[in-house]
Protein backbone atom coordinates (compact mmCIF):
# COMPACT_ATOMS: atom_id res chain seq x y z
CA MET A 1 0.00 0.00 0.00
CA LEU A 2 2.71 2.41 1.03
CA GLU A 3 4.75 1.72 -2.10
CA GLY A 4 1.73 2.29 -4.33
CA TYR A 5 0.92 5.49 -2.47
CA ASP A 6 4.47 6.83 -2.99
CA ASN A 7 4.38 5.90 -6.66
CA ALA A 8 1.10 7.75 -7.09
CA ILE A 9 2.57 10.87 -5.48
CA ASN A 10 5.71 10.67 -7.65
CA GLN A 11 3.60 10.23 -10.80
CA ALA A 12 1.45 13.23 -9.85
CA SER A 13 4.59 15.29 -9.25
CA ASN A 14 6.00 14.28 -12.63
CA ASP A 15 2.72 15.14 -14.37
CA SER A 16 2.67 18.52 -12.61
CA ALA A 17 6.26 19.25 -13.59
CA THR A 18 5.55 18.29 -17.21
CA TRP A 19 2.54 20.61 -17.26
CA LEU A 20 4.58 23.49 -15.76
CA PHE A 21 7.35 23.02 -18.34
CA ALA A 22 4.77 23.04 -21.12
CA CYS A 23 3.24 26.26 -19.75
CA ASN A 24 6.63 27.93 -19.44
CA ASP A 25 7.53 26.91 -22.96
CA TYR A 26 4.20 28.26 -24.26
CA TYR A 27 4.57 31.64 -22.52
CA SER A 28 8.23 31.92 -23.60
CA LYS A 29 7.19 31.33 -27.18
CA GLN A 30 4.33 33.85 -26.96
CA ASN A 31 6.58 36.51 -25.41
CA SER A 32 9.17 35.88 -28.10
CA ILE A 33 6.54 36.34 -30.81
CA LYS A 34 5.28 39.61 -29.24
CA ILE A 35 8.80 41.03 -28.92
CA ARG A 36 9.63 39.97 -32.48
CA ASN A 37 6.48 41.68 -33.81
CA VAL A 38 7.36 44.95 -32.06
CA LEU A 39 10.92 44.83 -33.41
CA ASN A 40 9.67 43.97 -36.90
CA ASP A 41 7.42 47.05 -36.87
CA LYS A 42 10.38 49.24 -35.91
CA ARG A 43 12.52 47.71 -38.64
CA LYS A 44 9.82 48.24 -41.27
CA ASN A 45 9.68 51.91 -40.23
CA GLY A 46 13.43 52.29 -40.64
CA LYS A 47 14.25 52.49 -36.93
CA PHE A 48 17.62 51.15 -35.84
CA ILE A 49 17.26 48.36 -33.26
CA GLY A 50 20.79 46.88 -33.27
CA SER A 51 23.17 46.84 -30.31
CA ALA A 52 25.81 49.05 -31.96
CA PRO A 53 25.59 51.28 -35.06
CA SER A 54 27.91 50.82 -38.02
CA TYR A 55 31.36 52.37 -37.69
CA GLY A 56 31.09 56.13 -38.32
CA TYR A 57 27.57 56.48 -36.89
CA LEU A 58 26.06 57.16 -33.44
CA ARG A 59 22.57 56.86 -32.02
CA ASP A 60 20.71 60.16 -32.03
CA PRO A 61 20.40 61.17 -28.34
CA ASN A 62 16.92 62.56 -29.12
CA ASP A 63 15.75 59.45 -30.98
CA LYS A 64 17.48 56.12 -30.23
CA GLY A 65 16.14 54.59 -33.43
CA HIS A 66 17.75 57.28 -35.59
CA LEU A 67 21.43 57.40 -36.59
CA ILE A 68 23.65 60.46 -36.93
CA PRO A 69 27.26 60.75 -38.18
CA ASP A 70 29.94 60.22 -35.55
CA PRO A 71 31.98 63.45 -35.61
CA GLU A 72 35.09 61.53 -34.53
CA TYR A 73 35.05 58.67 -37.07
CA ALA A 74 32.70 59.57 -39.95
CA TRP A 75 35.69 61.04 -41.83
CA VAL A 76 37.42 57.64 -41.70
CA VAL A 77 34.56 56.00 -43.62
CA LYS A 78 34.63 58.82 -46.18
CA LYS A 79 38.40 58.46 -46.54
CA ILE A 80 38.14 54.68 -47.09
CA PHE A 81 35.54 55.13 -49.84
CA ASP A 82 37.48 58.01 -51.40
CA MET A 83 40.65 55.90 -51.61
CA ALA A 84 38.78 52.88 -53.01
CA TYR A 85 36.95 55.04 -55.58
CA ASN A 86 40.28 56.46 -56.76
CA GLY A 87 41.71 52.99 -57.37
CA VAL A 88 43.69 52.44 -54.17
CA GLY A 89 43.80 48.72 -53.32
CA LEU A 90 42.44 47.15 -50.14
CA SER A 91 45.95 46.30 -48.91
CA GLU A 92 47.11 49.91 -49.31
CA ILE A 93 44.01 51.25 -47.54
CA THR A 94 44.63 48.82 -44.67
CA THR A 95 48.25 49.95 -44.39
CA TYR A 96 47.21 53.62 -44.38
CA LEU A 97 44.73 53.07 -41.53
CA ASN A 98 47.24 51.12 -39.43
CA ASP A 99 50.10 53.56 -40.10
CA ASN A 100 47.91 56.41 -38.84
CA ASN A 101 46.80 54.48 -35.72
CA ILE A 102 43.12 54.86 -36.58
CA LYS A 103 40.88 52.89 -34.23
CA THR A 104 39.19 49.82 -35.67
CA PRO A 105 35.44 49.04 -35.50
CA SER A 106 36.05 46.25 -32.99
CA SER A 107 38.09 48.54 -30.71
CA LEU A 108 35.12 50.93 -30.53
CA LYS A 109 32.63 48.10 -29.93
CA ARG A 110 34.87 46.91 -27.12
CA LYS A 111 33.78 49.96 -25.12
CA ASN A 112 30.24 48.60 -25.21
CA PRO A 113 29.89 46.10 -22.29
CA ASN A 114 27.10 44.28 -24.16
CA SER A 115 29.14 43.78 -27.32
CA LYS A 116 30.42 40.28 -28.12
CA ALA A 117 32.56 41.44 -31.04
CA LYS A 118 36.06 39.99 -31.19
CA TYR A 119 38.67 42.63 -30.41
CA ASN A 120 41.26 43.33 -33.08
CA PRO A 121 43.39 46.47 -32.69
CA MET A 122 44.63 46.22 -36.28
CA TRP A 123 42.80 46.92 -39.52
CA THR A 124 42.61 43.99 -41.92
CA ILE A 125 41.61 43.67 -45.56
CA SER A 126 38.37 41.96 -44.49
CA SER A 127 37.42 44.79 -42.07
CA VAL A 128 38.03 47.41 -44.80
CA LYS A 129 36.03 45.37 -47.31
CA LYS A 130 33.16 45.02 -44.83
CA ILE A 131 32.88 48.81 -44.61
CA LEU A 132 33.05 49.23 -48.39
CA LYS A 133 30.16 46.77 -48.87
CA ASN A 134 27.94 48.27 -46.15
CA GLN A 135 24.85 49.92 -47.71
CA MET A 136 24.18 51.81 -44.45
CA TYR A 137 26.70 54.43 -45.58
CA VAL A 138 24.44 55.72 -48.38
CA GLY A 139 21.74 56.57 -45.81
CA ASP A 140 19.74 53.32 -46.04
CA MET A 141 18.75 51.31 -42.96
CA VAL A 142 19.82 47.69 -43.51
CA GLN A 143 18.65 45.14 -40.90
CA SER A 144 17.51 41.50 -40.53
CA VAL A 145 20.78 40.32 -42.02
CA GLN A 146 20.73 37.46 -39.50
CA THR A 147 18.03 35.67 -37.53
CA LYS A 148 17.88 33.35 -34.51
CA VAL A 149 17.63 29.64 -35.23
CA SER A 150 14.73 29.40 -32.72
CA TYR A 151 13.26 31.35 -29.81
CA LYS A 152 15.01 28.92 -27.43
CA SER A 153 18.46 29.42 -28.92
CA LYS A 154 20.94 32.30 -29.11
CA LYS A 155 22.50 30.88 -32.27
CA LYS A 156 22.03 32.92 -35.44
CA LYS A 157 22.13 32.19 -39.14
CA SER A 158 22.70 34.53 -42.08
CA LEU A 159 19.76 35.38 -44.34
CA PRO A 160 19.81 35.88 -48.12
CA LYS A 161 19.77 39.53 -49.20
CA SER A 162 16.20 39.11 -50.51
CA ASN A 163 15.07 38.68 -46.86
CA TRP A 164 16.85 41.75 -45.50
CA ASP A 165 14.84 44.73 -44.25
CA ILE A 166 16.10 47.73 -46.25
CA VAL A 167 14.50 51.16 -45.81
CA LYS A 168 16.01 53.91 -47.95
CA ASN A 169 17.00 57.43 -46.88
CA THR A 170 16.50 57.02 -43.12
CA HIS A 171 19.65 58.88 -42.00
CA GLU A 172 22.39 61.17 -43.27
CA PRO A 173 24.62 59.40 -45.82
CA LEU A 174 28.40 59.40 -45.48
CA VAL A 175 28.92 58.31 -49.09
CA ASP A 176 27.34 59.33 -52.40
CA ARG A 177 25.33 56.51 -54.06
CA PHE A 178 27.25 56.84 -57.30
CA ILE A 179 30.58 56.42 -55.49
CA PHE A 180 29.18 53.46 -53.49
CA GLU A 181 28.00 51.63 -56.62
CA SER A 182 31.28 52.34 -58.42
CA VAL A 183 33.21 50.84 -55.51
CA GLN A 184 30.95 47.74 -55.53
CA ASN A 185 31.68 47.23 -59.22
CA ASN A 186 35.42 47.60 -58.56
CA ILE A 187 35.24 44.99 -55.79
CA LYS A 188 33.36 42.55 -58.05
CA ARG A 189 35.87 43.03 -60.87
CA THR A 190 38.83 42.55 -58.52
CA THR A 191 37.27 39.44 -56.98
CA LYS A 192 36.65 37.86 -60.38
CA THR A 193 40.21 38.47 -61.53
CA THR A 194 41.86 37.24 -58.32
CA ILE A 195 39.83 34.06 -57.76
CA THR A 196 41.28 31.14 -59.66
CA LYS A 197 39.92 27.63 -59.46
CA ARG A 198 42.66 25.26 -58.37
CA GLU A 199 42.99 22.07 -56.45
CA LYS A 200 44.04 22.64 -52.84
CA ARG A 201 47.50 21.51 -51.81
CA LEU A 202 47.76 18.47 -49.52
CA PHE A 203 48.58 20.42 -46.33
CA GLU A 204 46.60 23.58 -47.12
CA ASN A 205 44.81 25.08 -44.08
CA LEU A 206 46.92 22.93 -41.73
CA LEU A 207 50.08 25.09 -41.73
CA TYR A 208 50.42 27.73 -38.98
CA CYS A 209 52.97 30.38 -38.06
CA LYS A 210 54.59 29.75 -34.66
CA GLU A 211 55.34 33.43 -34.08
CA CYS A 212 51.84 34.93 -34.56
CA GLY A 213 49.46 31.95 -34.86
CA ASN A 214 48.13 32.94 -38.29
CA THR A 215 47.85 30.46 -41.15
CA LEU A 216 50.71 30.04 -43.59
CA THR A 217 49.35 30.86 -47.04
CA ILE A 218 50.22 28.66 -50.01
CA SER A 219 50.67 30.67 -53.22
CA TYR A 220 51.63 29.92 -56.81
CA ARG A 221 54.53 31.92 -58.28
CA LYS A 222 53.66 31.97 -61.95
CA ASN A 223 56.95 33.45 -63.14
CA HIS A 224 58.96 30.66 -61.53
CA ASP A 225 56.30 27.90 -61.82
CA TYR A 226 56.35 26.64 -58.24
CA TRP A 227 54.36 26.87 -54.98
CA THR A 228 55.52 28.75 -51.89
CA ILE A 229 54.38 29.32 -48.29
CA ASN A 230 54.44 32.55 -46.31
CA CYS A 231 52.94 33.92 -43.11
CA ASN A 232 49.49 35.32 -43.89
CA ARG A 233 49.87 38.16 -41.40
CA TYR A 234 53.28 39.18 -42.74
CA SER A 235 52.20 39.06 -46.39
CA ARG A 236 49.12 41.24 -45.68
CA ASP A 237 51.27 44.11 -44.47
CA PRO A 238 55.02 43.44 -44.95
CA LYS A 239 55.88 47.11 -44.49
CA ARG A 240 54.89 47.08 -40.81
CA ARG A 241 56.53 43.67 -40.22
CA MET A 242 53.72 42.48 -37.95
CA CYS A 243 55.40 39.07 -38.16
CA GLU A 244 58.41 37.39 -39.77
CA PRO A 245 58.47 36.08 -43.37
CA HIS A 246 58.28 32.29 -43.60
CA PHE A 247 58.98 32.14 -47.32
CA SER A 248 59.74 28.58 -48.40
CA PRO A 249 59.15 26.24 -51.39
CA TYR A 250 55.97 24.26 -50.70
CA ASP A 251 56.62 21.09 -52.74
CA LYS A 252 59.86 20.41 -50.90
CA LEU A 253 58.07 20.94 -47.58
CA GLU A 254 55.22 18.57 -48.55
CA LYS A 255 57.66 15.78 -49.40
CA ALA A 256 59.53 16.20 -46.12
CA LEU A 257 56.30 16.30 -44.07
CA LEU A 258 54.96 13.10 -45.66
CA GLU A 259 58.19 11.30 -44.88
CA VAL A 260 58.16 12.40 -41.22
CA ILE A 261 54.45 11.56 -40.76
CA LYS A 262 54.83 8.09 -42.29
CA ASN A 263 57.88 7.32 -40.13
CA THR A 264 56.01 8.45 -37.01
CA CYS A 265 53.01 6.28 -37.88
CA LYS A 266 55.21 3.23 -38.49
CA LYS A 267 57.01 3.79 -35.20
CA TYR A 268 53.92 3.84 -33.01
CA LEU A 269 51.61 1.44 -34.84
CA ASN A 270 50.48 -1.57 -32.74
CA LYS A 271 52.95 -0.89 -29.92
CA LEU A 272 50.49 -1.46 -27.08
CA ASP A 273 47.22 -3.19 -26.36
CA LEU A 274 44.32 -0.93 -27.46
CA SER A 275 42.64 -0.87 -24.05
CA GLU A 276 45.92 0.07 -22.34
CA ILE A 277 46.55 2.81 -24.91
CA SER A 278 43.06 4.20 -24.28
CA LYS A 279 43.66 4.45 -20.53
CA SER A 280 47.10 6.00 -20.90
CA ILE A 281 45.93 8.53 -23.50
CA ASN A 282 42.98 9.78 -21.45
CA LYS A 283 45.15 10.13 -18.35
CA LYS A 284 47.91 11.86 -20.33
CA ASP A 285 45.44 14.20 -22.07
CA ASP A 286 44.03 15.53 -18.78
CA SER A 287 47.53 16.09 -17.42
CA ASP A 288 48.72 17.78 -20.63
CA VAL A 289 45.68 20.06 -20.78
CA ASN A 290 46.08 21.14 -17.15
CA ASN A 291 49.79 21.80 -17.69
CA SER A 292 49.04 23.80 -20.83
CA ILE A 293 46.41 25.90 -19.03
CA ASN A 294 48.85 26.59 -16.16
CA ASP A 295 51.56 27.65 -18.64
CA LEU A 296 49.12 29.96 -20.42
CA ARG A 297 48.03 31.45 -17.08
CA LYS A 298 51.67 32.30 -16.34
CA GLN A 299 52.01 33.93 -19.78
CA GLU A 300 48.79 35.86 -19.18
CA LYS A 301 50.07 37.16 -15.84
CA ALA A 302 53.41 38.17 -17.39
CA LEU A 303 51.67 40.12 -20.18
CA ILE A 304 49.44 41.95 -17.70
CA SER A 305 52.54 42.93 -15.70
CA LYS A 306 54.18 44.05 -18.94
CA LEU A 307 51.24 46.34 -19.72
CA ASP A 308 51.33 47.82 -16.20
CA MET A 309 55.07 48.51 -16.43
CA LEU A 310 54.69 49.93 -19.92
CA TYR A 311 52.04 52.37 -18.68
CA GLN A 312 54.35 53.47 -15.84
CA ASP A 313 57.20 53.99 -18.32
CA LYS A 314 54.92 56.12 -20.50
CA PHE A 315 53.72 58.09 -17.48
CA ASN A 316 57.32 58.72 -16.41
CA GLY A 317 58.37 59.73 -19.92
CA ILE A 318 60.66 56.73 -20.44
CA VAL A 319 58.86 55.60 -23.62
CA SER A 320 57.20 57.76 -26.27
CA GLU A 321 53.47 57.82 -26.98
CA GLU A 322 54.07 56.14 -30.35
CA MET A 323 56.12 53.32 -28.85
CA TYR A 324 53.58 52.86 -26.05
CA LEU A 325 50.72 52.50 -28.53
CA ARG A 326 52.61 50.03 -30.69
CA ILE A 327 53.84 47.78 -27.86
CA SER A 328 50.55 47.90 -25.92
CA ARG A 329 48.60 47.02 -29.06
CA GLU A 330 50.81 44.00 -29.72
CA THR A 331 50.68 42.93 -26.05
CA GLU A 332 46.88 43.23 -25.87
CA ASN A 333 46.60 41.18 -29.04
CA SER A 334 48.79 38.45 -27.48
CA LEU A 335 46.71 38.60 -24.30
CA ILE A 336 43.48 38.04 -26.21
CA LYS A 337 44.95 35.04 -28.04
CA ILE A 338 46.17 33.48 -24.79
CA ARG A 339 42.74 33.85 -23.18
CA GLU A 340 41.09 32.32 -26.24
CA LYS A 341 43.51 29.38 -26.04
CA ILE A 342 42.71 28.86 -22.34
CA GLN A 343 38.98 28.80 -23.09
CA SER A 344 39.52 26.43 -26.02
CA LEU A 345 41.49 24.05 -23.82
CA ARG A 346 38.76 24.09 -21.18
CA ASP A 347 36.07 23.43 -23.79
CA ALA A 348 38.04 20.61 -25.38
CA LYS A 349 39.00 18.92 -22.11
CA ASN A 350 35.81 16.89 -21.91
CA ASP A 351 35.84 16.00 -25.61
CA LYS A 352 39.15 14.12 -25.63
CA LYS A 353 38.06 10.82 -24.10
CA ILE A 354 39.12 8.12 -26.54
CA ASN A 355 37.48 4.69 -26.61
CA LYS A 356 38.53 1.43 -28.22
CA ASN A 357 36.45 2.04 -31.39
CA ASP A 358 38.13 5.41 -31.91
CA LEU A 359 41.55 3.76 -31.61
CA LYS A 360 40.62 1.11 -34.16
CA ASN A 361 39.50 3.86 -36.54
CA TYR A 362 42.82 5.70 -36.10
CA GLU A 363 44.73 2.47 -36.61
CA ASP A 364 42.93 1.84 -39.93
CA LYS A 365 43.74 5.35 -41.15
CA ILE A 366 47.38 5.04 -40.08
CA ARG A 367 47.74 1.76 -42.00
CA GLU A 368 46.10 3.36 -45.05
CA LEU A 369 48.52 6.31 -44.92
CA ILE A 370 51.55 4.01 -44.71
CA ASP A 371 50.40 1.83 -47.63
CA ILE A 372 49.79 4.55 -50.24
CA ASP A 373 52.16 6.98 -51.97
CA ASN A 374 49.70 9.82 -52.57
CA PRO A 375 47.31 10.21 -49.61
CA SER A 376 44.17 12.37 -49.96
CA ARG A 377 43.54 15.66 -48.13
CA GLU A 378 40.70 13.92 -46.26
CA LEU A 379 43.06 11.25 -44.90
CA ILE A 380 45.67 13.81 -43.88
CA GLY A 381 42.97 15.94 -42.23
CA ALA A 382 41.74 12.91 -40.25
CA LEU A 383 45.18 12.37 -38.71
CA ILE A 384 46.75 15.85 -38.50
CA ASP A 385 45.42 18.64 -36.29
CA LYS A 386 47.94 21.31 -37.30
CA ILE A 387 51.53 21.84 -38.41
CA ILE A 388 53.43 24.71 -36.78
CA ILE A 389 56.45 26.25 -38.52
CA ASP A 390 58.69 28.96 -37.11
CA LYS A 391 60.76 31.60 -38.93
CA ASP A 392 63.81 29.28 -38.91
CA ARG A 393 61.70 26.54 -40.59
CA ASN A 394 61.60 24.30 -37.53
CA ILE A 395 58.48 22.13 -37.75
CA GLU A 396 56.12 20.75 -35.08
CA ILE A 397 53.40 18.32 -36.18
CA ILE A 398 50.34 18.06 -33.90
CA TYR A 399 48.44 14.82 -34.46
CA LYS A 400 44.78 14.27 -33.62
CA PHE A 401 45.77 10.86 -32.24
CA SER A 402 47.69 12.06 -29.17
CA MET A 403 49.73 8.85 -28.89
CA LEU A 404 51.59 9.98 -32.02
CA ASN A 405 52.54 13.23 -30.26
CA ALA A 406 54.57 11.33 -27.64
C-alpha cells in the first residue's frame, strides 16, 4: 500500500512538472513572438534596433532609433571610400589606416559592455572590405541580415539579401550613391580576376605560423612555376613587419612532411594493447591540458605585468606615446589570443576521451597512410590537427591521435 501510495505521489509530481514546463515553454514562445512583432514594426519603419551602429555612426540622443554621423570617425569611412573610388587597393588602404593608428570598428565596440565582437586592434583587408560593402553608408537602414535559429536558442544564421529589411533614406549618408555603386563594381571586378579555381594543396589550411598563430598561405609563383608558403599576417602588411616572413618552397616541404608523418606512424603502430593505450591517452590528455592551461596562465600574468610597467614607463616619460601605442597594441593582441587558447582548452577537455572504437578507426587510417604513396587531403585531415612552422623553418606536427605526439 505504502509503495503504491508513494508511486502515485511521484507520478502526480512528474505530471505537474511536465505541465509546468509546457506552460513555461508556451509563454516563452508567446513573449518571443510579441517582442519579435514589435521589433519587426520598428525595422519596417526604418528604426535602428541593433546593439551598436555601423562604424562612423552614433545613435541620435533625441531618438534612439535614428542614426547620426559620428563626428570623430565619420571622416574615416569617407576616406576609405574616397581611396577605393580612386583605385587604391584594399591592402594599401589597410596599411594607411594602421600607419595612422586609426581605431578599428572592434576597438570601438569593445567599449560597449554588451558587445560580443572579437577585439582586433589592427585593420585587416576583411574589415576594410566590410565597410566598403555596407549599404548603411548611403543613408539606407539595412537590418535583418541574421536571424535566430529558434526562440530557445541564441544561435544565429545569415539570411539571403532578398530577406533583408532595407528602408532607404533614413539617416544622413556618409557616401554618395554613385561612389558606393562604383566601388561595388570595382570589388566585383577585382574578386573575379583574383579568384582562380585550383585544387588545394595536400597540407593547405593545416600550416600555422609559430610566431603569430596565423595560417601560412600557399601561393603559386607563376613566373617561376612553383608553390611557396608565407605567413598570412606578414604578407598582408610586410611594411609594418607584424610578423616574420616564412617564405619557403611548398613542394619540398610537402615531401619532407609526408616522410616524417609516415615514419612516425610506423614507429607507433600496434605498440600497445588498445585498451591500455586508451587508458594512458585519457590520463595523459588531462595532465597535458592542465599543464598547458597553467603555462598559459603564467604567460597571461606576465603580459598583464608588462602592460602595467609599460604604462608606468609612458607616465614617467621613459617611452614615447608612439612606442607605447605600438607595444601595448601587440601585447593586448597576445593577451586576447592566450585567453582564447585557455577557453579552447577548457572546452576541449571533456571532448578528448578516446574509446577502443576510436583507436581502431585511427589504426585503420594510419595503415592506409603508410600503404599509399599519394594520400588524400581527407586522410591527412583525419590524422593531422595542425603543423606549426617557425621563422627558422623548424616544424612541429600536432596529431589528432595524441599517442603519435609522444
